[in-house]
PDB file of N, CA and C in Angstrom:
ATOM      1  N   UNK A   1       7.882  -5.517 -25.323  1.00  0.00           N
ATOM      2  CA  UNK A   1       7.217  -6.641 -24.709  1.00  0.00           C
ATOM      3  C   UNK A   1       8.056  -7.211 -23.573  1.00  0.00           C
ATOM      4  N   UNK A   2       9.351  -7.294 -23.777  1.00  0.00           N
ATOM      5  CA  UNK A   2      10.244  -7.844 -22.760  1.00  0.00           C
ATOM      6  C   UNK A   2      10.228  -6.978 -21.499  1.00  0.00           C
ATOM      7  N   UNK A   3      10.135  -5.665 -21.685  1.00  0.00           N
ATOM      8  CA  UNK A   3      10.095  -4.764 -20.539  1.00  0.00           C
ATOM      9  C   UNK A   3       8.849  -4.978 -19.689  1.00  0.00           C
ATOM     10  N   UNK A   4       7.716  -5.216 -20.321  1.00  0.00           N
ATOM     11  CA  UNK A   4       6.480  -5.415 -19.573  1.00  0.00           C
ATOM     12  C   UNK A   4       6.420  -6.808 -18.956  1.00  0.00           C
ATOM     13  N   UNK A   5       7.016  -7.798 -19.617  1.00  0.00           N
ATOM     14  CA  UNK A   5       7.132  -9.113 -19.015  1.00  0.00           C
ATOM     15  C   UNK A   5       8.014  -9.028 -17.769  1.00  0.00           C
ATOM     16  N   UNK A   6       9.066  -8.241 -17.863  1.00  0.00           N
ATOM     17  CA  UNK A   6       9.930  -8.015 -16.711  1.00  0.00           C
ATOM     18  C   UNK A   6       9.163  -7.323 -15.586  1.00  0.00           C
ATOM     19  N   UNK A   7       8.326  -6.345 -15.921  1.00  0.00           N
ATOM     20  CA  UNK A   7       7.514  -5.667 -14.918  1.00  0.00           C
ATOM     21  C   UNK A   7       6.606  -6.659 -14.196  1.00  0.00           C
ATOM     22  N   UNK A   8       5.958  -7.538 -14.939  1.00  0.00           N
ATOM     23  CA  UNK A   8       5.075  -8.540 -14.341  1.00  0.00           C
ATOM     24  C   UNK A   8       5.864  -9.448 -13.400  1.00  0.00           C
ATOM     25  N   UNK A   9       7.026  -9.913 -13.858  1.00  0.00           N
ATOM     26  CA  UNK A   9       7.830 -10.810 -13.036  1.00  0.00           C
ATOM     27  C   UNK A   9       8.424 -10.107 -11.826  1.00  0.00           C
ATOM     28  N   UNK A  10       8.793  -8.842 -11.961  1.00  0.00           N
ATOM     29  CA  UNK A  10       9.310  -8.077 -10.823  1.00  0.00           C
ATOM     30  C   UNK A  10       8.216  -7.883  -9.774  1.00  0.00           C
ATOM     31  N   UNK A  11       6.995  -7.626 -10.218  1.00  0.00           N
ATOM     32  CA  UNK A  11       5.877  -7.504  -9.276  1.00  0.00           C
ATOM     33  C   UNK A  11       5.646  -8.819  -8.551  1.00  0.00           C
ATOM     34  N   UNK A  12       5.723  -9.938  -9.275  1.00  0.00           N
ATOM     35  CA  UNK A  12       5.544 -11.232  -8.636  1.00  0.00           C
ATOM     36  C   UNK A  12       6.681 -11.507  -7.651  1.00  0.00           C
ATOM     37  N   UNK A  13       7.901 -11.228  -8.041  1.00  0.00           N
ATOM     38  CA  UNK A  13       9.038 -11.429  -7.150  1.00  0.00           C
ATOM     39  C   UNK A  13       8.912 -10.555  -5.912  1.00  0.00           C
ATOM     40  N   UNK A  14       8.506  -9.311  -6.087  1.00  0.00           N
ATOM     41  CA  UNK A  14       8.313  -8.414  -4.948  1.00  0.00           C
ATOM     42  C   UNK A  14       7.248  -8.956  -4.007  1.00  0.00           C
ATOM     43  N   UNK A  15       6.165  -9.463  -4.580  1.00  0.00           N
ATOM     44  CA  UNK A  15       5.121 -10.062  -3.754  1.00  0.00           C
ATOM     45  C   UNK A  15       5.631 -11.259  -2.979  1.00  0.00           C
ATOM     46  N   UNK A  16       6.429 -12.106  -3.624  1.00  0.00           N
ATOM     47  CA  UNK A  16       7.015 -13.268  -2.953  1.00  0.00           C
ATOM     48  C   UNK A  16       7.926 -12.827  -1.812  1.00  0.00           C
ATOM     49  N   UNK A  17       8.737 -11.810  -2.068  1.00  0.00           N
ATOM     50  CA  UNK A  17       9.645 -11.319  -1.022  1.00  0.00           C
ATOM     51  C   UNK A  17       8.875 -10.730   0.155  1.00  0.00           C
ATOM     52  N   UNK A  18       7.858  -9.940  -0.129  1.00  0.00           N
ATOM     53  CA  UNK A  18       7.050  -9.333   0.935  1.00  0.00           C
ATOM     54  C   UNK A  18       6.361 -10.420   1.758  1.00  0.00           C
ATOM     55  N   UNK A  19       5.772 -11.403   1.071  1.00  0.00           N
ATOM     56  CA  UNK A  19       5.084 -12.487   1.780  1.00  0.00           C
ATOM     57  C   UNK A  19       6.059 -13.296   2.624  1.00  0.00           C
ATOM     58  N   UNK A  20       7.261 -13.519   2.099  1.00  0.00           N
ATOM     59  CA  UNK A  20       8.264 -14.290   2.839  1.00  0.00           C
ATOM     60  C   UNK A  20       8.834 -13.542   4.026  1.00  0.00           C
ATOM     61  N   UNK A  21       9.182 -12.273   3.830  1.00  0.00           N
ATOM     62  CA  UNK A  21       9.796 -11.487   4.900  1.00  0.00           C
ATOM     63  C   UNK A  21       8.801 -11.200   6.021  1.00  0.00           C
ATOM     64  N   UNK A  22       7.575 -10.868   5.662  1.00  0.00           N
ATOM     65  CA  UNK A  22       6.570 -10.526   6.669  1.00  0.00           C
ATOM     66  C   UNK A  22       5.766 -11.740   7.143  1.00  0.00           C
ATOM     67  N   UNK A  23       6.068 -12.921   6.589  1.00  0.00           N
ATOM     68  CA  UNK A  23       5.371 -14.167   6.944  1.00  0.00           C
ATOM     69  C   UNK A  23       3.855 -13.990   6.843  1.00  0.00           C
ATOM     70  N   UNK A  24       3.420 -13.411   5.739  1.00  0.00           N
ATOM     71  CA  UNK A  24       1.992 -13.186   5.527  1.00  0.00           C
ATOM     72  C   UNK A  24       1.325 -14.470   5.034  1.00  0.00           C
ATOM     73  N   UNK A  25       0.065 -14.685   5.392  1.00  0.00           N
ATOM     74  CA  UNK A  25      -0.635 -15.892   4.937  1.00  0.00           C
ATOM     75  C   UNK A  25      -1.207 -15.743   3.522  1.00  0.00           C
ATOM     76  N   UNK A  26      -0.744 -14.765   2.788  1.00  0.00           N
ATOM     77  CA  UNK A  26      -1.213 -14.498   1.429  1.00  0.00           C
ATOM     78  C   UNK A  26      -0.110 -14.938   0.460  1.00  0.00           C
ATOM     79  N   UNK A  27      -0.470 -15.660  -0.605  1.00  0.00           N
ATOM     80  CA  UNK A  27       0.561 -16.079  -1.569  1.00  0.00           C
ATOM     81  C   UNK A  27       1.253 -14.877  -2.210  1.00  0.00           C
ATOM     82  N   UNK A  28       2.535 -15.030  -2.466  1.00  0.00           N
ATOM     83  CA  UNK A  28       3.319 -13.970  -3.084  1.00  0.00           C
ATOM     84  C   UNK A  28       2.779 -13.487  -4.419  1.00  0.00           C
ATOM     85  N   UNK A  29       2.343 -14.396  -5.309  1.00  0.00           N
ATOM     86  CA  UNK A  29       1.803 -13.926  -6.586  1.00  0.00           C
ATOM     87  C   UNK A  29       0.560 -13.043  -6.422  1.00  0.00           C
ATOM     88  N   UNK A  30      -0.230 -13.305  -5.390  1.00  0.00           N
ATOM     89  CA  UNK A  30      -1.405 -12.450  -5.148  1.00  0.00           C
ATOM     90  C   UNK A  30      -0.946 -11.050  -4.744  1.00  0.00           C
ATOM     91  N   UNK A  31       0.048 -10.976  -3.878  1.00  0.00           N
ATOM     92  CA  UNK A  31       0.595  -9.663  -3.508  1.00  0.00           C
ATOM     93  C   UNK A  31       1.216  -8.981  -4.722  1.00  0.00           C
ATOM     94  N   UNK A  32       1.843  -9.774  -5.591  1.00  0.00           N
ATOM     95  CA  UNK A  32       2.409  -9.216  -6.811  1.00  0.00           C
ATOM     96  C   UNK A  32       1.342  -8.618  -7.713  1.00  0.00           C
ATOM     97  N   UNK A  33       0.183  -9.291  -7.804  1.00  0.00           N
ATOM     98  CA  UNK A  33      -0.919  -8.734  -8.603  1.00  0.00           C
ATOM     99  C   UNK A  33      -1.420  -7.432  -7.998  1.00  0.00           C
ATOM    100  N   UNK A  34      -1.460  -7.375  -6.671  1.00  0.00           N
ATOM    101  CA  UNK A  34      -1.889  -6.140  -6.010  1.00  0.00           C
ATOM    102  C   UNK A  34      -0.890  -5.028  -6.307  1.00  0.00           C
ATOM    103  N   UNK A  35       0.399  -5.348  -6.258  1.00  0.00           N
ATOM    104  CA  UNK A  35       1.419  -4.343  -6.579  1.00  0.00           C
ATOM    105  C   UNK A  35       1.283  -3.862  -8.025  1.00  0.00           C
ATOM    106  N   UNK A  36       1.067  -4.797  -8.948  1.00  0.00           N
ATOM    107  CA  UNK A  36       0.885  -4.410 -10.348  1.00  0.00           C
ATOM    108  C   UNK A  36      -0.354  -3.540 -10.509  1.00  0.00           C
ATOM    109  N   UNK A  37      -1.423  -3.890  -9.795  1.00  0.00           N
ATOM    110  CA  UNK A  37      -2.646  -3.078  -9.837  1.00  0.00           C
ATOM    111  C   UNK A  37      -2.369  -1.662  -9.350  1.00  0.00           C
ATOM    112  N   UNK A  38      -1.608  -1.537  -8.262  1.00  0.00           N
ATOM    113  CA  UNK A  38      -1.274  -0.203  -7.726  1.00  0.00           C
ATOM    114  C   UNK A  38      -0.470   0.584  -8.757  1.00  0.00           C
ATOM    115  N   UNK A  39       0.477  -0.068  -9.407  1.00  0.00           N
ATOM    116  CA  UNK A  39       1.276   0.602 -10.440  1.00  0.00           C
ATOM    117  C   UNK A  39       0.368   1.091 -11.571  1.00  0.00           C
ATOM    118  N   UNK A  40      -0.579   0.248 -11.989  1.00  0.00           N
ATOM    119  CA  UNK A  40      -1.475   0.643 -13.085  1.00  0.00           C
ATOM    120  C   UNK A  40      -2.420   1.763 -12.662  1.00  0.00           C
ATOM    121  N   UNK A  41      -2.856   1.759 -11.408  1.00  0.00           N
ATOM    122  CA  UNK A  41      -3.701   2.860 -10.915  1.00  0.00           C
ATOM    123  C   UNK A  41      -2.902   4.155 -10.924  1.00  0.00           C
ATOM    124  N   UNK A  42      -1.656   4.083 -10.496  1.00  0.00           N
ATOM    125  CA  UNK A  42      -0.813   5.287 -10.493  1.00  0.00           C
ATOM    126  C   UNK A  42      -0.558   5.785 -11.916  1.00  0.00           C
ATOM    127  N   UNK A  43      -0.414   4.859 -12.858  1.00  0.00           N
ATOM    128  CA  UNK A  43      -0.232   5.264 -14.254  1.00  0.00           C
ATOM    129  C   UNK A  43      -1.524   5.818 -14.842  1.00  0.00           C
ATOM    130  N   UNK A  44      -2.652   5.339 -14.337  1.00  0.00           N
ATOM    131  CA  UNK A  44      -3.937   5.817 -14.824  1.00  0.00           C
ATOM    132  C   UNK A  44      -4.439   5.104 -16.064  1.00  0.00           C
ATOM    133  N   UNK A  45      -3.653   4.171 -16.597  1.00  0.00           N
ATOM    134  CA  UNK A  45      -4.049   3.473 -17.816  1.00  0.00           C
ATOM    135  C   UNK A  45      -3.192   2.220 -17.951  1.00  0.00           C
ATOM    136  N   UNK A  46      -3.680   1.262 -18.710  1.00  0.00           N
ATOM    137  CA  UNK A  46      -2.907   0.053 -19.012  1.00  0.00           C
ATOM    138  C   UNK A  46      -2.221   0.275 -20.356  1.00  0.00           C
ATOM    139  N   UNK A  47      -0.890   0.304 -20.386  1.00  0.00           N
ATOM    140  CA  UNK A  47      -0.192   0.490 -21.658  1.00  0.00           C
ATOM    141  C   UNK A  47      -0.540  -0.629 -22.639  1.00  0.00           C
ATOM    142  N   UNK A  48      -0.614  -0.283 -23.910  1.00  0.00           N
ATOM    143  CA  UNK A  48      -1.002  -1.237 -24.957  1.00  0.00           C
ATOM    144  C   UNK A  48      -0.064  -2.442 -24.980  1.00  0.00           C
ATOM    145  N   UNK A  49       1.232  -2.205 -24.828  1.00  0.00           N
ATOM    146  CA  UNK A  49       2.201  -3.314 -24.868  1.00  0.00           C
ATOM    147  C   UNK A  49       2.025  -4.234 -23.668  1.00  0.00           C
ATOM    148  N   UNK A  50       1.665  -3.686 -22.502  1.00  0.00           N
ATOM    149  CA  UNK A  50       1.405  -4.519 -21.330  1.00  0.00           C
ATOM    150  C   UNK A  50       0.175  -5.381 -21.581  1.00  0.00           C
ATOM    151  N   UNK A  51      -0.836  -4.804 -22.203  1.00  0.00           N
ATOM    152  CA  UNK A  51      -2.045  -5.560 -22.539  1.00  0.00           C
ATOM    153  C   UNK A  51      -1.711  -6.707 -23.488  1.00  0.00           C
ATOM    154  N   UNK A  52      -0.886  -6.448 -24.468  1.00  0.00           N
ATOM    155  CA  UNK A  52      -0.492  -7.488 -25.423  1.00  0.00           C
ATOM    156  C   UNK A  52       0.310  -8.593 -24.728  1.00  0.00           C
ATOM    157  N   UNK A  53       1.210  -8.193 -23.828  1.00  0.00           N
ATOM    158  CA  UNK A  53       2.022  -9.161 -23.104  1.00  0.00           C
ATOM    159  C   UNK A  53       1.152 -10.043 -22.215  1.00  0.00           C
ATOM    160  N   UNK A  54       0.246  -9.428 -21.476  1.00  0.00           N
ATOM    161  CA  UNK A  54      -0.635 -10.176 -20.591  1.00  0.00           C
ATOM    162  C   UNK A  54      -1.555 -11.100 -21.389  1.00  0.00           C
ATOM    163  N   UNK A  55      -2.041 -10.628 -22.536  1.00  0.00           N
ATOM    164  CA  UNK A  55      -2.898 -11.461 -23.380  1.00  0.00           C
ATOM    165  C   UNK A  55      -2.126 -12.674 -23.886  1.00  0.00           C
ATOM    166  N   UNK A  56      -0.892 -12.480 -24.259  1.00  0.00           N
ATOM    167  CA  UNK A  56      -0.051 -13.603 -24.703  1.00  0.00           C
ATOM    168  C   UNK A  56       0.149 -14.628 -23.597  1.00  0.00           C
ATOM    169  N   UNK A  57       0.375 -14.161 -22.376  1.00  0.00           N
ATOM    170  CA  UNK A  57       0.523 -15.079 -21.246  1.00  0.00           C
ATOM    171  C   UNK A  57      -0.775 -15.827 -20.979  1.00  0.00           C
ATOM    172  N   UNK A  58      -1.885 -15.128 -21.036  1.00  0.00           N
ATOM    173  CA  UNK A  58      -3.178 -15.772 -20.779  1.00  0.00           C
ATOM    174  C   UNK A  58      -3.504 -16.821 -21.837  1.00  0.00           C
ATOM    175  N   UNK A  59      -3.121 -16.570 -23.075  1.00  0.00           N
ATOM    176  CA  UNK A  59      -3.385 -17.533 -24.138  1.00  0.00           C
ATOM    177  C   UNK A  59      -2.557 -18.810 -23.962  1.00  0.00           C
ATOM    178  N   UNK A  60      -1.440 -18.704 -23.269  1.00  0.00           N
ATOM    179  CA  UNK A  60      -0.580 -19.868 -23.033  1.00  0.00           C
ATOM    180  C   UNK A  60      -0.831 -20.508 -21.672  1.00  0.00           C
ATOM    181  N   UNK A  61      -1.809 -20.023 -20.943  1.00  0.00           N
ATOM    182  CA  UNK A  61      -2.024 -20.485 -19.578  1.00  0.00           C
ATOM    183  C   UNK A  61      -2.364 -21.975 -19.494  1.00  0.00           C
ATOM    184  N   UNK A  62      -3.009 -22.517 -20.510  1.00  0.00           N
ATOM    185  CA  UNK A  62      -3.380 -23.935 -20.461  1.00  0.00           C
ATOM    186  C   UNK A  62      -2.153 -24.829 -20.311  1.00  0.00           C
ATOM    187  N   UNK A  63      -1.016 -24.397 -20.819  1.00  0.00           N
ATOM    188  CA  UNK A  63       0.218 -25.176 -20.662  1.00  0.00           C
ATOM    189  C   UNK A  63       0.627 -25.290 -19.191  1.00  0.00           C
ATOM    190  N   UNK A  64       0.255 -24.309 -18.380  1.00  0.00           N
ATOM    191  CA  UNK A  64       0.642 -24.331 -16.971  1.00  0.00           C
ATOM    192  C   UNK A  64      -0.149 -25.352 -16.161  1.00  0.00           C
ATOM    193  N   UNK A  65      -1.260 -25.847 -16.709  1.00  0.00           N
ATOM    194  CA  UNK A  65      -2.063 -26.831 -15.992  1.00  0.00           C
ATOM    195  C   UNK A  65      -1.573 -28.258 -16.220  1.00  0.00           C
ATOM    196  N   UNK A  66      -0.672 -28.464 -17.170  1.00  0.00           N
ATOM    197  CA  UNK A  66      -0.163 -29.813 -17.432  1.00  0.00           C
ATOM    198  C   UNK A  66       0.578 -30.366 -16.212  1.00  0.00           C
ATOM    199  N   UNK A  67       1.508 -29.633 -15.589  1.00  0.00           N
ATOM    200  CA  UNK A  67       2.166 -30.194 -14.391  1.00  0.00           C
ATOM    201  C   UNK A  67       1.190 -30.455 -13.249  1.00  0.00           C
ATOM    202  N   UNK A  68       0.204 -29.591 -13.065  1.00  0.00           N
ATOM    203  CA  UNK A  68      -0.777 -29.807 -11.999  1.00  0.00           C
ATOM    204  C   UNK A  68      -1.611 -31.048 -12.287  1.00  0.00           C
ATOM    205  N   UNK A  69      -2.016 -31.228 -13.531  1.00  0.00           N
ATOM    206  CA  UNK A  69      -2.778 -32.420 -13.897  1.00  0.00           C
ATOM    207  C   UNK A  69      -1.964 -33.688 -13.711  1.00  0.00           C
ATOM    208  N   UNK A  70      -0.688 -33.626 -14.027  1.00  0.00           N
ATOM    209  CA  UNK A  70       0.202 -34.771 -13.815  1.00  0.00           C
ATOM    210  C   UNK A  70       0.308 -35.090 -12.337  1.00  0.00           C
ATOM    211  N   UNK A  71       0.401 -34.063 -11.513  1.00  0.00           N
ATOM    212  CA  UNK A  71       0.472 -34.270 -10.065  1.00  0.00           C
ATOM    213  C   UNK A  71      -0.783 -34.915  -9.522  1.00  0.00           C
ATOM    214  N   UNK A  72      -1.930 -34.540 -10.070  1.00  0.00           N
ATOM    215  CA  UNK A  72      -3.195 -35.149  -9.638  1.00  0.00           C
ATOM    216  C   UNK A  72      -3.192 -36.635  -9.971  1.00  0.00           C
ATOM    217  N   UNK A  73      -2.747 -36.996 -11.159  1.00  0.00           N
ATOM    218  CA  UNK A  73      -2.727 -38.399 -11.569  1.00  0.00           C
ATOM    219  C   UNK A  73      -1.731 -39.189 -10.728  1.00  0.00           C
ATOM    220  N   UNK A  74      -0.593 -38.601 -10.421  1.00  0.00           N
ATOM    221  CA  UNK A  74       0.417 -39.293  -9.616  1.00  0.00           C
ATOM    222  C   UNK A  74      -0.127 -39.613  -8.230  1.00  0.00           C
ATOM    223  N   UNK A  75      -0.915 -38.708  -7.664  1.00  0.00           N
ATOM    224  CA  UNK A  75      -1.453 -38.893  -6.308  1.00  0.00           C
ATOM    225  C   UNK A  75      -2.924 -39.281  -6.332  1.00  0.00           C
ATOM    226  N   UNK A  76      -3.328 -40.008  -7.358  1.00  0.00           N
ATOM    227  CA  UNK A  76      -4.732 -40.387  -7.518  1.00  0.00           C
ATOM    228  C   UNK A  76      -5.228 -41.238  -6.350  1.00  0.00           C
ATOM    229  N   UNK A  77      -4.374 -42.103  -5.801  1.00  0.00           N
ATOM    230  CA  UNK A  77      -4.774 -42.937  -4.675  1.00  0.00           C
ATOM    231  C   UNK A  77      -5.066 -42.100  -3.428  1.00  0.00           C
ATOM    232  N   UNK A  78      -4.297 -41.047  -3.204  1.00  0.00           N
ATOM    233  CA  UNK A  78      -4.568 -40.148  -2.076  1.00  0.00           C
ATOM    234  C   UNK A  78      -5.895 -39.429  -2.249  1.00  0.00           C
ATOM    235  N   UNK A  79      -6.193 -39.030  -3.482  1.00  0.00           N
ATOM    236  CA  UNK A  79      -7.473 -38.383  -3.753  1.00  0.00           C
ATOM    237  C   UNK A  79      -8.628 -39.339  -3.486  1.00  0.00           C
ATOM    238  N   UNK A  80      -8.440 -40.605  -3.824  1.00  0.00           N
ATOM    239  CA  UNK A  80      -9.478 -41.599  -3.575  1.00  0.00           C
ATOM    240  C   UNK A  80      -9.747 -41.775  -2.086  1.00  0.00           C
ATOM    241  N   UNK A  81      -8.687 -41.727  -1.274  1.00  0.00           N
ATOM    242  CA  UNK A  81      -8.839 -41.865   0.176  1.00  0.00           C
ATOM    243  C   UNK A  81      -9.561 -40.668   0.780  1.00  0.00           C
ATOM    244  N   UNK A  82      -9.370 -39.487   0.212  1.00  0.00           N
ATOM    245  CA  UNK A  82      -9.952 -38.261   0.762  1.00  0.00           C
ATOM    246  C   UNK A  82     -11.127 -37.778  -0.078  1.00  0.00           C
ATOM    247  N   UNK A  83     -11.783 -38.699  -0.780  1.00  0.00           N
ATOM    248  CA  UNK A  83     -12.847 -38.313  -1.691  1.00  0.00           C
ATOM    249  C   UNK A  83     -14.016 -37.634  -0.981  1.00  0.00           C
ATOM    250  N   UNK A  84     -14.437 -38.160   0.154  1.00  0.00           N
ATOM    251  CA  UNK A  84     -15.577 -37.589   0.860  1.00  0.00           C
ATOM    252  C   UNK A  84     -15.301 -36.170   1.367  1.00  0.00           C
ATOM    253  N   UNK A  85     -14.189 -35.931   2.097  1.00  0.00           N
ATOM    254  CA  UNK A  85     -13.954 -34.548   2.538  1.00  0.00           C
ATOM    255  C   UNK A  85     -13.703 -33.570   1.388  1.00  0.00           C
ATOM    256  N   UNK A  86     -13.010 -34.027   0.341  1.00  0.00           N
ATOM    257  CA  UNK A  86     -12.778 -33.149  -0.802  1.00  0.00           C
ATOM    258  C   UNK A  86     -14.077 -32.831  -1.525  1.00  0.00           C
ATOM    259  N   UNK A  87     -14.918 -33.844  -1.710  1.00  0.00           N
ATOM    260  CA  UNK A  87     -16.204 -33.621  -2.356  1.00  0.00           C
ATOM    261  C   UNK A  87     -17.078 -32.670  -1.556  1.00  0.00           C
ATOM    262  N   UNK A  88     -17.091 -32.862  -0.225  1.00  0.00           N
ATOM    263  CA  UNK A  88     -17.878 -31.967   0.635  1.00  0.00           C
ATOM    264  C   UNK A  88     -17.346 -30.543   0.552  1.00  0.00           C
ATOM    265  N   UNK A  89     -16.027 -30.392   0.547  1.00  0.00           N
ATOM    266  CA  UNK A  89     -15.437 -29.053   0.475  1.00  0.00           C
ATOM    267  C   UNK A  89     -15.789 -28.371  -0.846  1.00  0.00           C
ATOM    268  N   UNK A  90     -15.755 -29.112  -1.940  1.00  0.00           N
ATOM    269  CA  UNK A  90     -16.090 -28.538  -3.240  1.00  0.00           C
ATOM    270  C   UNK A  90     -17.557 -28.109  -3.270  1.00  0.00           C
ATOM    271  N   UNK A  91     -18.443 -28.972  -2.765  1.00  0.00           N
ATOM    272  CA  UNK A  91     -19.874 -28.645  -2.776  1.00  0.00           C
ATOM    273  C   UNK A  91     -20.177 -27.456  -1.882  1.00  0.00           C
ATOM    274  N   UNK A  92     -19.646 -27.452  -0.655  1.00  0.00           N
ATOM    275  CA  UNK A  92     -19.910 -26.351   0.287  1.00  0.00           C
ATOM    276  C   UNK A  92     -19.334 -25.038  -0.242  1.00  0.00           C
ATOM    277  N   UNK A  93     -18.115 -25.070  -0.752  1.00  0.00           N
ATOM    278  CA  UNK A  93     -17.509 -23.824  -1.244  1.00  0.00           C
ATOM    279  C   UNK A  93     -18.238 -23.307  -2.482  1.00  0.00           C
ATOM    280  N   UNK A  94     -18.697 -24.210  -3.342  1.00  0.00           N
ATOM    281  CA  UNK A  94     -19.453 -23.778  -4.520  1.00  0.00           C
ATOM    282  C   UNK A  94     -20.766 -23.131  -4.110  1.00  0.00           C
ATOM    283  N   UNK A  95     -21.488 -23.764  -3.188  1.00  0.00           N
ATOM    284  CA  UNK A  95     -22.749 -23.187  -2.712  1.00  0.00           C
ATOM    285  C   UNK A  95     -22.518 -21.837  -2.031  1.00  0.00           C
ATOM    286  N   UNK A  96     -21.464 -21.745  -1.222  1.00  0.00           N
ATOM    287  CA  UNK A  96     -21.162 -20.477  -0.555  1.00  0.00           C
ATOM    288  C   UNK A  96     -20.856 -19.389  -1.576  1.00  0.00           C
ATOM    289  N   UNK A  97     -20.116 -19.725  -2.611  1.00  0.00           N
ATOM    290  CA  UNK A  97     -19.792 -18.754  -3.657  1.00  0.00           C
ATOM    291  C   UNK A  97     -21.047 -18.289  -4.379  1.00  0.00           C
ATOM    292  N   UNK A  98     -21.940 -19.218  -4.691  1.00  0.00           N
ATOM    293  CA  UNK A  98     -23.185 -18.855  -5.371  1.00  0.00           C
ATOM    294  C   UNK A  98     -24.028 -17.936  -4.497  1.00  0.00           C
ATOM    295  N   UNK A  99     -24.141 -18.258  -3.207  1.00  0.00           N
ATOM    296  CA  UNK A  99     -24.943 -17.446  -2.290  1.00  0.00           C
ATOM    297  C   UNK A  99     -24.360 -16.051  -2.139  1.00  0.00           C
ATOM    298  N   UNK A 100     -23.051 -15.962  -1.920  1.00  0.00           N
ATOM    299  CA  UNK A 100     -22.412 -14.652  -1.748  1.00  0.00           C
ATOM    300  C   UNK A 100     -22.541 -13.822  -3.029  1.00  0.00           C
ATOM    301  N   UNK A 101     -22.352 -14.449  -4.176  1.00  0.00           N
ATOM    302  CA  UNK A 101     -22.476 -13.725  -5.441  1.00  0.00           C
ATOM    303  C   UNK A 101     -23.906 -13.231  -5.654  1.00  0.00           C
ATOM    304  N   UNK A 102     -24.872 -14.071  -5.345  1.00  0.00           N
ATOM    305  CA  UNK A 102     -26.278 -13.664  -5.508  1.00  0.00           C
ATOM    306  C   UNK A 102     -26.625 -12.501  -4.581  1.00  0.00           C
ATOM    307  N   UNK A 103     -26.194 -12.585  -3.336  1.00  0.00           N
ATOM    308  CA  UNK A 103     -26.470 -11.495  -2.388  1.00  0.00           C
ATOM    309  C   UNK A 103     -25.793 -10.203  -2.819  1.00  0.00           C
ATOM    310  N   UNK A 104     -24.566 -10.310  -3.295  1.00  0.00           N
ATOM    311  CA  UNK A 104     -23.847  -9.123  -3.756  1.00  0.00           C
ATOM    312  C   UNK A 104     -24.545  -8.504  -4.962  1.00  0.00           C
ATOM    313  N   UNK A 105     -25.003  -9.336  -5.880  1.00  0.00           N
ATOM    314  CA  UNK A 105     -25.715  -8.817  -7.056  1.00  0.00           C
ATOM    315  C   UNK A 105     -27.030  -8.150  -6.644  1.00  0.00           C
ATOM    316  N   UNK A 106     -27.740  -8.727  -5.669  1.00  0.00           N
ATOM    317  CA  UNK A 106     -28.963  -8.095  -5.170  1.00  0.00           C
ATOM    318  C   UNK A 106     -28.647  -6.734  -4.566  1.00  0.00           C
ATOM    319  N   UNK A 107     -27.599  -6.690  -3.750  1.00  0.00           N
ATOM    320  CA  UNK A 107     -27.224  -5.435  -3.079  1.00  0.00           C
ATOM    321  C   UNK A 107     -26.812  -4.387  -4.108  1.00  0.00           C
ATOM    322  N   UNK A 108     -25.997  -4.795  -5.084  1.00  0.00           N
ATOM    323  CA  UNK A 108     -25.565  -3.847  -6.100  1.00  0.00           C
ATOM    324  C   UNK A 108     -26.733  -3.395  -6.969  1.00  0.00           C
ATOM    325  N   UNK A 109     -27.669  -4.291  -7.246  1.00  0.00           N
ATOM    326  CA  UNK A 109     -28.856  -3.913  -8.015  1.00  0.00           C
ATOM    327  C   UNK A 109     -29.696  -2.891  -7.297  1.00  0.00           C
ATOM    328  N   UNK A 110     -29.861  -3.071  -5.989  1.00  0.00           N
ATOM    329  CA  UNK A 110     -30.632  -2.102  -5.196  1.00  0.00           C
ATOM    330  C   UNK A 110     -29.901  -0.769  -5.117  1.00  0.00           C
ATOM    331  N   UNK A 111     -28.586  -0.828  -4.934  1.00  0.00           N
ATOM    332  CA  UNK A 111     -27.805   0.410  -4.852  1.00  0.00           C
ATOM    333  C   UNK A 111     -27.863   1.171  -6.166  1.00  0.00           C
ATOM    334  N   UNK A 112     -27.857   0.454  -7.270  1.00  0.00           N
ATOM    335  CA  UNK A 112     -27.912   1.103  -8.582  1.00  0.00           C
ATOM    336  C   UNK A 112     -29.297   1.703  -8.829  1.00  0.00           C
ATOM    337  N   UNK A 113     -30.340   0.987  -8.402  1.00  0.00           N
ATOM    338  CA  UNK A 113     -31.708   1.486  -8.590  1.00  0.00           C
ATOM    339  C   UNK A 113     -31.969   2.713  -7.713  1.00  0.00           C
ATOM    340  N   UNK A 114     -31.390   2.737  -6.509  1.00  0.00           N
ATOM    341  CA  UNK A 114     -31.570   3.879  -5.607  1.00  0.00           C
ATOM    342  C   UNK A 114     -30.753   5.087  -6.060  1.00  0.00           C
ATOM    343  N   UNK A 115     -29.612   4.836  -6.665  1.00  0.00           N
ATOM    344  CA  UNK A 115     -28.695   5.934  -7.006  1.00  0.00           C
ATOM    345  C   UNK A 115     -28.867   6.402  -8.365  1.00  0.00           C
TER     346      UNK A 115
END
């Protein structure tokens, strides 16, 4: 388990380094996930111990939201000042996500029916 946790963290660190050195506008952890995905594609399978390690991390993920929630409460007055633009951004992005997902599902449904 420790070896696979190390693999996950090494992929994240590599992503952070790549994003920092190349000044990419993509977060390092996202690049790390892409690197881990490439490693798993090359392996051709997800090892059972890696699956167990990742499942353990996912089950503990709610603990990671405590600092973010605390930060929201600390800056509650700033959120109140920017309520209108934040609310508009949430509504517009949600609608855009729904539309894109619906169109993609329509396209995939047609492609599946044709093929």
